[in-house]
């Protein structure tokens, strides 16, 4: 069964930190780019960060310098370290696996991150 399971969301104060994890099962990580996206009600889902299995990273402009994505290929897990959190960073964070060759996508169920203003 193909599955992405996120964990690590919760409440953080402005300026605080959280670490998200996403464990992928049922897929071979070497064929997928793993990443994080976020969404707030009424807005489109936006890129946070992605990581290839070869260590190529990409970040959304709003998180550069504050968030760090990392990937454990052996564990088929991707992490997102979020520092200096801002209230506008509050959202549901989704993990995504995108197949390199065919572009097929798999999404996790999402984890809520709350940063009060």
N, C-alpha and C. Protein backbone atom coordinates (compact mmCIF):
# COMPACT_ATOMS: atom_id res chain seq x y z
N UNK A 1 0.84 -1.20 0.00
CA UNK A 1 0.00 0.00 0.00
C UNK A 1 0.87 1.24 0.00
N UNK A 2 0.62 2.12 -0.97
CA UNK A 2 1.37 3.36 -1.06
C UNK A 2 0.83 4.36 -0.05
N UNK A 3 1.72 4.92 0.73
CA UNK A 3 1.26 5.81 1.79
C UNK A 3 2.33 6.80 2.18
N UNK A 4 1.91 8.02 2.46
CA UNK A 4 2.77 9.03 3.05
C UNK A 4 2.15 9.43 4.37
N UNK A 5 2.91 9.35 5.44
CA UNK A 5 2.38 9.65 6.77
C UNK A 5 3.19 10.77 7.38
N UNK A 6 2.53 11.91 7.58
CA UNK A 6 3.19 13.08 8.17
C UNK A 6 3.04 13.07 9.68
N UNK A 7 3.98 13.69 10.34
CA UNK A 7 3.90 13.88 11.79
C UNK A 7 4.72 15.11 12.16
N UNK A 8 4.49 15.61 13.38
CA UNK A 8 5.31 16.70 13.89
C UNK A 8 4.66 18.06 13.89
N UNK A 9 3.46 18.17 13.36
CA UNK A 9 2.77 19.46 13.39
C UNK A 9 2.32 19.80 14.80
N UNK A 10 1.83 21.00 14.95
CA UNK A 10 1.35 21.43 16.26
C UNK A 10 1.41 22.93 16.40
N UNK A 11 1.51 23.36 17.64
CA UNK A 11 1.52 24.79 17.97
C UNK A 11 2.94 25.27 18.22
N UNK A 12 3.29 26.37 17.60
CA UNK A 12 4.58 27.01 17.86
C UNK A 12 4.36 28.50 18.00
N UNK A 13 5.10 29.13 18.87
CA UNK A 13 5.02 30.58 19.03
C UNK A 13 5.80 31.26 17.92
N UNK A 14 5.45 32.48 17.58
CA UNK A 14 6.24 33.23 16.59
C UNK A 14 7.71 33.24 16.99
N UNK A 15 8.55 32.95 16.02
CA UNK A 15 9.98 32.84 16.29
C UNK A 15 10.42 31.46 16.71
N UNK A 16 9.47 30.58 16.94
CA UNK A 16 9.78 29.24 17.39
C UNK A 16 10.08 28.30 16.24
N UNK A 17 10.22 27.02 16.59
CA UNK A 17 10.60 26.00 15.63
C UNK A 17 9.72 24.77 15.75
N UNK A 18 9.60 24.08 14.64
CA UNK A 18 8.95 22.77 14.58
C UNK A 18 9.70 21.93 13.56
N UNK A 19 9.57 20.62 13.71
CA UNK A 19 10.15 19.70 12.75
C UNK A 19 9.06 18.73 12.30
N UNK A 20 8.86 18.70 11.00
CA UNK A 20 7.89 17.77 10.41
C UNK A 20 8.61 16.57 9.83
N UNK A 21 7.94 15.44 9.87
CA UNK A 21 8.46 14.22 9.27
C UNK A 21 7.42 13.63 8.34
N UNK A 22 7.89 12.98 7.29
CA UNK A 22 7.00 12.30 6.36
C UNK A 22 7.64 10.98 5.99
N UNK A 23 6.99 9.90 6.39
CA UNK A 23 7.50 8.56 6.08
C UNK A 23 6.73 7.99 4.90
N UNK A 24 7.46 7.60 3.87
CA UNK A 24 6.86 7.04 2.67
C UNK A 24 6.97 5.52 2.71
N UNK A 25 5.89 4.87 2.36
CA UNK A 25 5.89 3.41 2.28
C UNK A 25 5.22 2.98 0.98
N UNK A 26 5.65 1.83 0.49
CA UNK A 26 5.05 1.31 -0.73
C UNK A 26 5.60 1.89 -2.01
N UNK A 27 6.62 2.74 -1.91
CA UNK A 27 7.26 3.30 -3.10
C UNK A 27 8.76 3.18 -2.94
N UNK A 28 9.45 3.20 -4.07
CA UNK A 28 10.90 3.25 -4.05
C UNK A 28 11.34 4.70 -4.14
N UNK A 29 11.98 5.18 -3.09
CA UNK A 29 12.33 6.59 -3.02
C UNK A 29 13.22 7.06 -4.14
N UNK A 30 13.95 6.14 -4.74
CA UNK A 30 14.87 6.55 -5.81
C UNK A 30 14.15 7.01 -7.06
N UNK A 31 12.87 6.78 -7.15
CA UNK A 31 12.09 7.18 -8.32
C UNK A 31 11.23 8.40 -8.05
N UNK A 32 11.35 8.98 -6.86
CA UNK A 32 10.45 10.06 -6.47
C UNK A 32 11.19 11.25 -5.88
N UNK A 33 10.72 12.43 -6.21
CA UNK A 33 11.07 13.63 -5.49
C UNK A 33 10.10 13.75 -4.33
N UNK A 34 10.60 14.02 -3.14
CA UNK A 34 9.76 14.22 -1.95
C UNK A 34 9.75 15.69 -1.56
N UNK A 35 8.63 16.14 -1.06
CA UNK A 35 8.59 17.55 -0.70
C UNK A 35 7.44 17.91 0.20
N UNK A 36 7.40 19.17 0.55
CA UNK A 36 6.39 19.73 1.42
C UNK A 36 5.69 20.90 0.74
N UNK A 37 4.38 20.93 0.90
CA UNK A 37 3.55 22.03 0.43
C UNK A 37 2.65 22.43 1.59
N UNK A 38 2.08 23.62 1.50
CA UNK A 38 1.17 24.04 2.56
C UNK A 38 -0.03 24.77 1.96
N UNK A 39 -1.09 24.77 2.75
CA UNK A 39 -2.32 25.38 2.27
C UNK A 39 -3.11 25.96 3.43
N UNK A 40 -3.63 27.17 3.20
CA UNK A 40 -4.57 27.77 4.13
C UNK A 40 -5.91 27.86 3.44
N UNK A 41 -6.99 27.92 4.21
CA UNK A 41 -8.33 27.96 3.60
C UNK A 41 -8.47 29.13 2.63
N UNK A 42 -9.02 28.85 1.47
CA UNK A 42 -9.28 29.88 0.48
C UNK A 42 -8.11 30.21 -0.42
N UNK A 43 -6.97 29.54 -0.20
CA UNK A 43 -5.79 29.80 -1.02
C UNK A 43 -5.29 28.51 -1.65
N UNK A 44 -4.50 28.69 -2.70
CA UNK A 44 -3.93 27.53 -3.38
C UNK A 44 -2.81 26.93 -2.54
N UNK A 45 -2.62 25.64 -2.74
CA UNK A 45 -1.51 24.97 -2.09
C UNK A 45 -0.21 25.52 -2.67
N UNK A 46 0.76 25.81 -1.81
CA UNK A 46 2.00 26.41 -2.29
C UNK A 46 3.21 25.57 -1.90
N UNK A 47 4.23 25.71 -2.70
CA UNK A 47 5.49 25.01 -2.46
C UNK A 47 6.17 25.52 -1.20
N UNK A 48 6.63 24.58 -0.38
CA UNK A 48 7.50 24.93 0.73
C UNK A 48 8.93 24.52 0.40
N UNK A 49 9.12 23.23 0.13
CA UNK A 49 10.46 22.75 -0.20
C UNK A 49 10.36 21.35 -0.79
N UNK A 50 11.32 21.02 -1.66
CA UNK A 50 11.41 19.67 -2.22
C UNK A 50 12.85 19.18 -2.16
N UNK A 51 12.99 17.86 -2.21
CA UNK A 51 14.31 17.24 -2.16
C UNK A 51 14.34 16.02 -3.06
N UNK A 52 15.35 15.93 -3.90
CA UNK A 52 15.52 14.71 -4.69
C UNK A 52 16.34 13.71 -3.88
N UNK A 53 16.37 12.49 -4.37
CA UNK A 53 17.15 11.47 -3.67
C UNK A 53 18.66 11.68 -3.86
N UNK A 54 19.03 12.60 -4.74
CA UNK A 54 20.44 12.90 -4.96
C UNK A 54 20.88 14.17 -4.24
N UNK A 55 19.98 14.72 -3.41
CA UNK A 55 20.38 15.86 -2.60
C UNK A 55 20.22 17.20 -3.27
N UNK A 56 19.33 17.31 -4.23
CA UNK A 56 19.03 18.61 -4.83
C UNK A 56 17.80 19.17 -4.12
N UNK A 57 17.94 20.38 -3.60
CA UNK A 57 16.88 20.97 -2.81
C UNK A 57 16.33 22.22 -3.48
N UNK A 58 15.05 22.45 -3.24
CA UNK A 58 14.38 23.61 -3.79
C UNK A 58 13.45 24.18 -2.72
N UNK A 59 13.42 25.51 -2.59
CA UNK A 59 12.62 26.14 -1.55
C UNK A 59 11.70 27.21 -2.14
N UNK A 60 10.53 27.36 -1.50
CA UNK A 60 9.69 28.49 -1.81
C UNK A 60 10.33 29.78 -1.29
N UNK A 61 10.08 30.89 -1.97
CA UNK A 61 10.75 32.14 -1.60
C UNK A 61 10.45 32.57 -0.17
N UNK A 62 9.26 32.28 0.30
CA UNK A 62 8.86 32.78 1.62
C UNK A 62 9.53 32.04 2.77
N UNK A 63 10.18 30.91 2.50
CA UNK A 63 10.78 30.13 3.58
C UNK A 63 12.30 30.03 3.47
N UNK A 64 12.87 30.54 2.41
CA UNK A 64 14.32 30.45 2.23
C UNK A 64 15.05 31.09 3.40
N UNK A 65 16.04 30.38 3.90
CA UNK A 65 16.83 30.87 5.01
C UNK A 65 16.26 30.54 6.38
N UNK A 66 15.02 30.06 6.42
CA UNK A 66 14.40 29.73 7.71
C UNK A 66 14.04 28.25 7.81
N UNK A 67 13.66 27.65 6.71
CA UNK A 67 13.27 26.25 6.69
C UNK A 67 14.37 25.42 6.03
N UNK A 68 14.52 24.19 6.50
CA UNK A 68 15.50 23.28 5.91
C UNK A 68 14.85 21.93 5.67
N UNK A 69 14.94 21.47 4.44
CA UNK A 69 14.44 20.14 4.11
C UNK A 69 15.61 19.17 4.09
N UNK A 70 15.35 17.98 4.56
CA UNK A 70 16.37 16.93 4.50
C UNK A 70 15.67 15.61 4.21
N UNK A 71 16.50 14.67 3.78
CA UNK A 71 15.90 13.41 3.33
C UNK A 71 16.80 12.26 3.73
N UNK A 72 16.19 11.23 4.28
CA UNK A 72 16.89 10.00 4.63
C UNK A 72 16.45 8.94 3.64
N UNK A 73 17.28 8.69 2.65
CA UNK A 73 16.89 7.75 1.60
C UNK A 73 16.75 6.33 2.13
N UNK A 74 17.57 5.97 3.08
CA UNK A 74 17.49 4.62 3.63
C UNK A 74 16.16 4.37 4.34
N UNK A 75 15.65 5.43 4.99
CA UNK A 75 14.39 5.31 5.71
C UNK A 75 13.19 5.77 4.88
N UNK A 76 13.44 6.24 3.68
CA UNK A 76 12.37 6.74 2.81
C UNK A 76 11.55 7.81 3.53
N UNK A 77 12.27 8.71 4.16
CA UNK A 77 11.63 9.74 4.99
C UNK A 77 12.19 11.11 4.63
N UNK A 78 11.31 12.09 4.63
CA UNK A 78 11.72 13.47 4.39
C UNK A 78 11.31 14.30 5.60
N UNK A 79 12.17 15.25 5.94
CA UNK A 79 11.96 16.09 7.11
C UNK A 79 11.90 17.56 6.69
N UNK A 80 11.24 18.34 7.51
CA UNK A 80 11.23 19.78 7.30
C UNK A 80 11.46 20.45 8.65
N UNK A 81 12.60 21.09 8.77
CA UNK A 81 12.91 21.84 9.97
C UNK A 81 12.48 23.28 9.73
N UNK A 82 11.59 23.79 10.55
CA UNK A 82 11.05 25.12 10.39
C UNK A 82 11.50 25.99 11.56
N UNK A 83 12.33 26.97 11.27
CA UNK A 83 12.81 27.91 12.27
C UNK A 83 12.20 29.29 12.03
N UNK A 84 12.27 30.12 13.05
CA UNK A 84 11.77 31.50 12.94
C UNK A 84 10.37 31.53 12.35
N UNK A 85 9.50 30.72 12.90
CA UNK A 85 8.14 30.63 12.38
C UNK A 85 7.39 31.94 12.53
N UNK A 86 6.57 32.22 11.54
CA UNK A 86 5.76 33.44 11.53
C UNK A 86 4.29 33.06 11.52
N UNK A 87 3.41 33.94 11.96
CA UNK A 87 1.97 33.62 11.92
C UNK A 87 1.48 33.27 10.52
N UNK A 88 2.06 33.89 9.51
CA UNK A 88 1.63 33.58 8.14
C UNK A 88 2.08 32.20 7.69
N UNK A 89 2.89 31.55 8.49
CA UNK A 89 3.30 30.18 8.20
C UNK A 89 2.32 29.15 8.71
N UNK A 90 1.29 29.58 9.43
CA UNK A 90 0.27 28.66 9.90
C UNK A 90 -0.52 28.12 8.72
N UNK A 91 -0.62 26.81 8.64
CA UNK A 91 -1.27 26.16 7.50
C UNK A 91 -1.33 24.67 7.75
N UNK A 92 -1.99 23.97 6.86
CA UNK A 92 -1.88 22.52 6.82
C UNK A 92 -0.71 22.19 5.90
N UNK A 93 0.22 21.45 6.40
CA UNK A 93 1.41 21.09 5.63
C UNK A 93 1.24 19.67 5.09
N UNK A 94 1.44 19.55 3.79
CA UNK A 94 1.26 18.27 3.11
C UNK A 94 2.59 17.77 2.57
N UNK A 95 2.79 16.48 2.70
CA UNK A 95 3.93 15.82 2.09
C UNK A 95 3.51 15.30 0.71
N UNK A 96 4.40 15.41 -0.26
CA UNK A 96 4.10 14.91 -1.60
C UNK A 96 5.28 14.13 -2.15
N UNK A 97 4.95 13.04 -2.82
CA UNK A 97 5.94 12.28 -3.58
C UNK A 97 5.58 12.41 -5.05
N UNK A 98 6.54 12.84 -5.87
CA UNK A 98 6.29 13.00 -7.30
C UNK A 98 7.27 12.14 -8.07
N UNK A 99 6.72 11.29 -8.92
CA UNK A 99 7.54 10.38 -9.69
C UNK A 99 8.33 11.15 -10.74
N UNK A 100 9.62 10.86 -10.85
CA UNK A 100 10.47 11.59 -11.80
C UNK A 100 10.03 11.37 -13.24
N UNK A 101 9.81 10.13 -13.61
CA UNK A 101 9.64 9.82 -15.02
C UNK A 101 8.23 10.16 -15.52
N UNK A 102 7.21 9.77 -14.78
CA UNK A 102 5.84 9.91 -15.27
C UNK A 102 5.08 11.05 -14.61
N UNK A 103 5.63 11.62 -13.55
CA UNK A 103 4.97 12.76 -12.92
C UNK A 103 3.83 12.40 -11.99
N UNK A 104 3.62 11.11 -11.76
CA UNK A 104 2.54 10.73 -10.85
C UNK A 104 2.78 11.26 -9.45
N UNK A 105 1.72 11.67 -8.78
CA UNK A 105 1.85 12.29 -7.47
C UNK A 105 1.09 11.52 -6.41
N UNK A 106 1.66 11.51 -5.22
CA UNK A 106 1.02 10.93 -4.04
C UNK A 106 1.07 11.97 -2.94
N UNK A 107 -0.04 12.17 -2.26
CA UNK A 107 -0.11 13.16 -1.20
C UNK A 107 -0.37 12.49 0.15
N UNK A 108 0.18 13.08 1.19
CA UNK A 108 -0.15 12.68 2.55
C UNK A 108 -1.44 13.34 2.99
N UNK A 109 -1.85 13.03 4.20
CA UNK A 109 -3.13 13.53 4.70
C UNK A 109 -3.02 14.93 5.28
N UNK A 110 -1.80 15.40 5.50
CA UNK A 110 -1.60 16.75 6.01
C UNK A 110 -1.45 16.80 7.51
N UNK A 111 -0.69 17.78 7.97
CA UNK A 111 -0.52 18.01 9.41
C UNK A 111 -0.63 19.51 9.68
N UNK A 112 -1.37 19.86 10.70
CA UNK A 112 -1.65 21.26 10.98
C UNK A 112 -0.50 21.90 11.74
N UNK A 113 -0.09 23.06 11.27
CA UNK A 113 0.88 23.89 11.98
C UNK A 113 0.18 25.19 12.36
N UNK A 114 0.20 25.52 13.63
CA UNK A 114 -0.46 26.72 14.13
C UNK A 114 0.58 27.66 14.73
N UNK A 115 0.56 28.91 14.28
CA UNK A 115 1.46 29.93 14.82
C UNK A 115 0.59 31.14 15.13
N UNK A 116 0.28 31.38 16.37
CA UNK A 116 -0.62 32.49 16.71
C UNK A 116 0.02 33.84 16.46
N UNK A 117 -0.81 34.79 16.13
CA UNK A 117 -0.29 36.16 15.90
C UNK A 117 -0.31 36.97 17.19
